[in-house]
Protein backbone atom coordinates (compact mmCIF):
# COMPACT_ATOMS: atom_id res chain seq x y z
CA UNK A 1 -37.51 28.53 44.75
CA UNK A 2 -35.06 28.54 47.65
CA UNK A 3 -31.68 27.08 46.72
CA UNK A 4 -30.85 23.74 48.38
CA UNK A 5 -27.84 23.40 50.72
CA UNK A 6 -24.43 23.23 49.06
CA UNK A 7 -24.02 19.71 50.42
CA UNK A 8 -27.13 18.58 48.54
CA UNK A 9 -25.86 20.11 45.30
CA UNK A 10 -22.51 18.35 45.79
CA UNK A 11 -24.24 15.04 46.53
CA UNK A 12 -26.42 15.36 43.45
CA UNK A 13 -23.40 15.80 41.20
CA UNK A 14 -21.48 12.98 42.87
CA UNK A 15 -24.37 10.54 42.65
CA UNK A 16 -24.97 11.36 38.99
CA UNK A 17 -21.31 10.80 38.17
CA UNK A 18 -21.27 7.59 40.20
CA UNK A 19 -24.28 6.03 38.46
CA UNK A 20 -23.17 7.13 35.00
CA UNK A 21 -19.62 5.93 35.60
CA UNK A 22 -20.75 2.46 36.67
CA UNK A 23 -23.07 2.30 33.65
CA UNK A 24 -20.22 3.10 31.26
CA UNK A 25 -17.96 0.45 32.83
CA UNK A 26 -20.73 -2.13 32.52
CA UNK A 27 -21.32 -1.10 28.90
CA UNK A 28 -17.63 -1.62 28.14
CA UNK A 29 -17.96 -5.23 29.31
CA UNK A 30 -21.10 -5.68 27.21
CA UNK A 31 -19.37 -4.40 24.09
CA UNK A 32 -16.98 -7.36 24.28
CA UNK A 33 -19.93 -9.65 23.51
CA UNK A 34 -20.64 -10.45 19.86
CA UNK A 35 -19.68 -12.55 16.88
CA UNK A 36 -21.19 -15.91 16.11
CA UNK A 37 -20.86 -17.26 19.64
CA UNK A 38 -23.67 -17.66 22.14
CA UNK A 39 -24.37 -14.17 23.53
CA UNK A 40 -25.63 -15.48 26.87
CA UNK A 41 -22.62 -17.75 27.38
CA UNK A 42 -20.26 -14.87 26.58
CA UNK A 43 -22.09 -12.45 28.84
CA UNK A 44 -22.35 -14.88 31.76
CA UNK A 45 -18.55 -14.97 31.89
CA UNK A 46 -18.55 -11.19 32.36
CA UNK A 47 -21.46 -10.89 34.76
CA UNK A 48 -19.35 -11.44 37.93
CA UNK A 49 -17.12 -8.50 37.00
CA UNK A 50 -20.13 -6.32 36.18
CA UNK A 51 -21.77 -7.33 39.47
CA UNK A 52 -18.60 -6.28 41.30
CA UNK A 53 -18.61 -2.92 39.49
CA UNK A 54 -22.26 -2.30 40.34
CA UNK A 55 -21.88 -3.46 43.94
CA UNK A 56 -18.87 -1.22 44.59
CA UNK A 57 -20.70 1.77 43.10
CA UNK A 58 -23.77 0.99 45.22
CA UNK A 59 -21.72 0.90 48.43
CA UNK A 60 -20.10 4.24 47.63
CA UNK A 61 -23.42 5.80 46.62
CA UNK A 62 -25.03 4.56 49.85
CA UNK A 63 -22.16 5.86 51.97
CA UNK A 64 -22.20 9.29 50.32
CA UNK A 65 -25.97 9.66 50.50
CA UNK A 66 -26.30 8.56 54.13
CA UNK A 67 -23.36 10.74 55.17
CA UNK A 68 -25.01 13.73 53.52
CA UNK A 69 -28.01 13.66 55.87
CA UNK A 70 -26.44 15.29 58.96
CA UNK A 71 -24.39 17.65 56.79
CA UNK A 72 -27.45 18.84 54.85
CA UNK A 73 -29.42 19.39 58.05
CA UNK A 74 -26.52 21.37 59.50
CA UNK A 75 -26.41 23.49 56.35
CA UNK A 76 -30.09 24.42 56.72
CA UNK A 77 -29.57 25.53 60.33
CA UNK A 78 -31.82 22.81 61.73
CA UNK A 79 -29.60 19.88 62.76
CA UNK A 80 -31.24 16.84 64.36
CA UNK A 81 -29.91 13.96 66.49
CA UNK A 82 -28.97 10.74 64.71
CA UNK A 83 -30.38 7.62 66.34
CA UNK A 84 -28.16 5.22 64.37
CA UNK A 85 -25.85 5.17 61.34
CA UNK A 86 -26.38 3.40 58.00
CA UNK A 87 -24.32 0.34 57.07
CA UNK A 88 -23.47 1.08 53.39
CA UNK A 89 -22.46 -2.51 52.53
CA UNK A 90 -26.04 -3.62 53.18
CA UNK A 91 -27.10 -1.72 50.05
CA UNK A 92 -24.79 -3.57 47.66
CA UNK A 93 -25.85 -6.34 45.30
CA UNK A 94 -29.58 -5.68 45.39
CA UNK A 95 -32.27 -4.73 42.93
CA UNK A 96 -35.93 -3.97 43.44
CA UNK A 97 -37.36 -7.18 41.99
CA UNK A 98 -34.73 -9.92 41.74
CA UNK A 99 -31.16 -10.84 42.72
CA UNK A 100 -28.54 -8.73 40.96
CA UNK A 101 -26.97 -11.68 39.12
CA UNK A 102 -30.37 -12.56 37.65
CA UNK A 103 -31.15 -9.00 36.60
CA UNK A 104 -27.78 -8.63 34.92
CA UNK A 105 -28.74 -11.37 32.45
CA UNK A 106 -31.57 -9.22 31.08
CA UNK A 107 -29.54 -7.30 28.44
CA UNK A 108 -29.21 -10.55 26.49
CA UNK A 109 -32.98 -10.95 26.48
CA UNK A 110 -33.44 -7.34 25.36
CA UNK A 111 -30.89 -7.81 22.59
CA UNK A 112 -32.54 -10.99 21.32
CA UNK A 113 -35.94 -9.26 21.28
CA UNK A 114 -34.64 -6.25 19.32
CA UNK A 115 -34.95 -5.94 15.57
CA UNK A 116 -32.29 -5.12 12.99
CA UNK A 117 -28.79 -6.37 12.40
CA UNK A 118 -26.69 -8.16 15.00
CA UNK A 119 -24.91 -4.91 15.85
CA UNK A 120 -28.22 -3.09 16.27
CA UNK A 121 -29.58 -5.84 18.49
CA UNK A 122 -26.49 -5.79 20.70
CA UNK A 123 -26.66 -1.99 20.86
CA UNK A 124 -30.25 -2.25 22.14
CA UNK A 125 -29.08 -4.61 24.87
CA UNK A 126 -26.30 -2.18 25.76
CA UNK A 127 -28.70 0.74 26.09
CA UNK A 128 -30.88 -1.34 28.39
CA UNK A 129 -27.84 -2.27 30.50
CA UNK A 130 -26.74 1.37 30.82
CA UNK A 131 -30.17 2.50 31.99
CA UNK A 132 -30.48 -0.40 34.40
CA UNK A 133 -27.07 0.04 36.04
CA UNK A 134 -27.52 3.79 36.36
CA UNK A 135 -30.87 3.27 38.10
CA UNK A 136 -29.56 0.52 40.41
CA UNK A 137 -26.72 2.71 41.68
CA UNK A 138 -28.96 5.74 42.12
CA UNK A 139 -31.52 3.60 43.97
CA UNK A 140 -28.88 2.40 46.43
CA UNK A 141 -28.07 6.01 47.28
CA UNK A 142 -31.72 6.96 47.60
CA UNK A 143 -32.51 3.94 49.76
CA UNK A 144 -29.56 4.57 52.10
CA UNK A 145 -30.46 8.24 52.40
CA UNK A 146 -34.05 7.30 53.21
CA UNK A 147 -32.96 4.87 55.93
CA UNK A 148 -30.62 7.47 57.48
CA UNK A 149 -33.43 10.03 57.43
CA UNK A 150 -35.65 7.51 59.25
CA UNK A 151 -32.85 7.10 61.81
CA UNK A 152 -32.63 10.86 62.45
CA UNK A 153 -35.01 12.56 64.87
CA UNK A 154 -37.76 14.83 63.52
CA UNK A 155 -36.46 14.57 59.97
CA UNK A 156 -38.26 14.09 56.68
CA UNK A 157 -37.17 14.82 53.17
CA UNK A 158 -37.72 16.95 50.11
CA UNK A 159 -37.33 15.75 46.55
CA UNK A 160 -34.52 17.59 44.78
CA UNK A 161 -33.39 17.71 41.17
CA UNK A 162 -32.52 20.70 38.98
CA UNK A 163 -34.83 21.93 36.24
CA UNK A 164 -35.94 21.05 33.64
CA UNK A 165 -38.21 18.31 35.01
CA UNK A 166 -40.18 15.54 33.38
CA UNK A 167 -43.88 15.79 34.08
CA UNK A 168 -43.79 12.71 36.30
CA UNK A 169 -41.38 14.42 38.69
CA UNK A 170 -42.50 18.05 38.46
CA UNK A 171 -45.44 17.82 40.93
CA UNK A 172 -43.19 16.15 43.52
CA UNK A 173 -40.23 18.55 43.45
CA UNK A 174 -39.97 20.70 46.57
CA UNK A 175 -42.65 18.84 48.56
CA UNK A 176 -41.89 17.80 52.15
CA UNK A 177 -42.41 14.11 52.93
CA UNK A 178 -42.42 12.15 56.19
CA UNK A 179 -39.55 9.72 56.76
CA UNK A 180 -41.89 6.79 56.08
CA UNK A 181 -43.07 7.94 52.65
CA UNK A 182 -41.44 6.08 49.78
CA UNK A 183 -39.38 7.83 47.12
CA UNK A 184 -41.21 7.45 43.80
CA UNK A 185 -39.02 7.26 40.72
CA UNK A 186 -39.02 6.16 37.10
CA UNK A 187 -36.07 4.52 35.28
CA UNK A 188 -33.07 6.86 35.14
CA UNK A 189 -34.73 9.32 37.51
CA UNK A 190 -31.96 11.64 38.77
CA UNK A 191 -33.75 13.03 41.83
CA UNK A 192 -32.36 12.63 45.36
CA UNK A 193 -33.54 13.13 48.95
CA UNK A 194 -32.85 16.53 50.47
CA UNK A 195 -33.07 15.97 54.25
CA UNK A 196 -35.34 18.49 55.99
CA UNK A 197 -36.09 18.92 59.67
CA UNK A 198 -39.72 19.17 60.71
CA UNK A 199 -38.66 22.44 62.39
CA UNK A 200 -37.49 23.99 59.12
CA UNK A 201 -39.94 26.65 57.89
CA UNK A 202 -41.80 25.68 54.70
CA UNK A 203 -40.18 28.54 52.84
CA UNK A 204 -36.95 26.59 53.11
CA UNK A 205 -38.18 23.89 50.79
CA UNK A 206 -41.49 24.85 49.20
CA UNK A 207 -41.52 25.26 45.44
CA UNK A 208 -43.88 25.11 42.53
CA UNK A 209 -42.23 24.48 39.14
CA UNK A 210 -43.19 26.82 36.32
CA UNK A 211 -44.74 25.15 33.26
CA UNK A 212 -41.75 26.21 31.15
CA UNK A 213 -39.53 24.09 33.44
CA UNK A 214 -41.37 20.89 32.42
CA UNK A 215 -39.64 19.47 29.36
CA UNK A 216 -42.08 16.85 28.03
CA UNK A 217 -45.52 18.47 28.02
CA UNK A 218 -47.74 17.57 25.09
CA UNK A 219 -49.25 20.24 22.87
CA UNK A 220 -52.64 19.59 24.47
CA UNK A 221 -51.17 20.07 27.94
CA UNK A 222 -49.42 23.27 26.90
CA UNK A 223 -52.70 24.60 25.51
CA UNK A 224 -54.53 23.72 28.73
CA UNK A 225 -51.92 25.57 30.76
CA UNK A 226 -52.10 28.57 28.43
CA UNK A 227 -55.85 28.59 29.04
CA UNK A 228 -55.27 28.82 32.80
CA UNK A 229 -55.31 25.18 33.91
CA UNK A 230 -53.38 24.14 37.03
CA UNK A 231 -50.02 22.48 36.28
CA UNK A 232 -50.43 19.75 38.90
CA UNK A 233 -53.87 18.78 37.61
CA UNK A 234 -52.66 18.75 34.00
CA UNK A 235 -49.76 16.39 34.69
CA UNK A 236 -51.36 14.33 37.46
CA UNK A 237 -52.69 11.50 35.29
CA UNK A 238 -49.34 11.13 33.52
CA UNK A 239 -47.34 11.34 36.75
CA UNK A 240 -48.62 8.04 38.09
CA UNK A 241 -47.38 6.02 35.14
CA UNK A 242 -44.18 3.99 35.56
CA UNK A 243 -43.31 5.45 38.96
CA UNK A 244 -41.97 2.93 41.44
CA UNK A 245 -40.67 3.09 45.03
CA UNK A 246 -36.89 3.24 45.29
CA UNK A 247 -36.53 0.59 47.95
CA UNK A 248 -34.93 -2.80 48.19
CA UNK A 249 -37.29 -5.36 46.79
CA UNK A 250 -41.02 -5.63 46.74
CA UNK A 251 -43.01 -4.53 49.78
CA UNK A 252 -44.09 -8.17 50.16
CA UNK A 253 -40.50 -9.36 50.67
CA UNK A 254 -39.76 -9.56 54.37
CA UNK A 255 -36.84 -7.50 55.57
CA UNK A 256 -36.57 -5.00 52.71
CA UNK A 257 -36.72 -1.27 53.52
CA UNK A 258 -40.05 -1.05 51.68
CA UNK A 259 -41.40 -3.88 53.87
CA UNK A 260 -40.02 -2.20 56.99
CA UNK A 261 -41.69 1.11 56.15
CA UNK A 262 -44.96 -0.75 55.60
CA UNK A 263 -44.64 -2.53 58.95
CA UNK A 264 -43.55 0.48 61.01
CA UNK A 265 -45.74 3.12 59.40
CA UNK A 266 -45.00 6.54 60.92
CA UNK A 267 -43.43 5.00 64.06
CA UNK A 268 -39.80 6.08 63.70
CA UNK A 269 -38.61 4.05 66.70
CA UNK A 270 -40.17 0.88 65.28
CA UNK A 271 -38.56 1.53 61.89
CA UNK A 272 -35.15 2.02 63.50
CA UNK A 273 -35.51 -1.25 65.46
CA UNK A 274 -36.34 -3.15 62.27
CA UNK A 275 -33.58 -1.48 60.26
CA UNK A 276 -31.13 -2.53 62.98
CA UNK A 277 -32.53 -6.05 63.04
CA UNK A 278 -32.03 -6.48 59.29
CA UNK A 279 -28.59 -4.91 59.19
CA UNK A 280 -29.27 -1.57 57.52
CA UNK A 281 -28.20 0.39 60.60
CA UNK A 282 -25.14 -0.08 62.78
């Protein structure tokens, strides 16, 4: 597999640190909840601060990811003209399915549904919060990168993450996608866009993970591979479970990037017009 540009490697590390850092700060706020008081009432007092933490991390993640697009293309030797520039602030305070302030109430629900002692229940809520915040920050970066790729001539993207892979991601790593194709991810998915010009030779991004790079194969799958089965066919049925588009909101919500991609299809100019109209591009 051809190594990705240094800028992509740097972005990957920065985005991972950003999402994990925001998750730890949110968890610190959650750990102040407890005792005999009402958990929801206690947490609601802290939600504004957590929302500010998440929003700030989302803006930074969006800025870093969008800014990486021209740099990564330059690194590959196939730079392309930018048609517009992402507005990072537009990617703050959003989630895929509901307003951020609503989603941030969910750890209380998860804690109440958990079994065990009070401490164990609160710990379950904290784990949920960590995963959620990490995913929200990573999604902001992915969404901003995707919009900047759409606003760059003749540019698509390649999914990048270092091995080992989960079997949901493995078939997607190293594939080239058009600008209009959504980034599929599962909770806590660490993968990012690696911008790639249409002019870049396939050898610059093509890859096919080895079975020993997939960390969660079942014994039956391992046996099938040992008997000569194709890796992509073996993991294909599992890959489609719990994979969602990393966009803002549901495709049915007007004005979200997912909705814009659905409206514009492969028409890059139409996508850019709509992204400008809804404030994602300057």
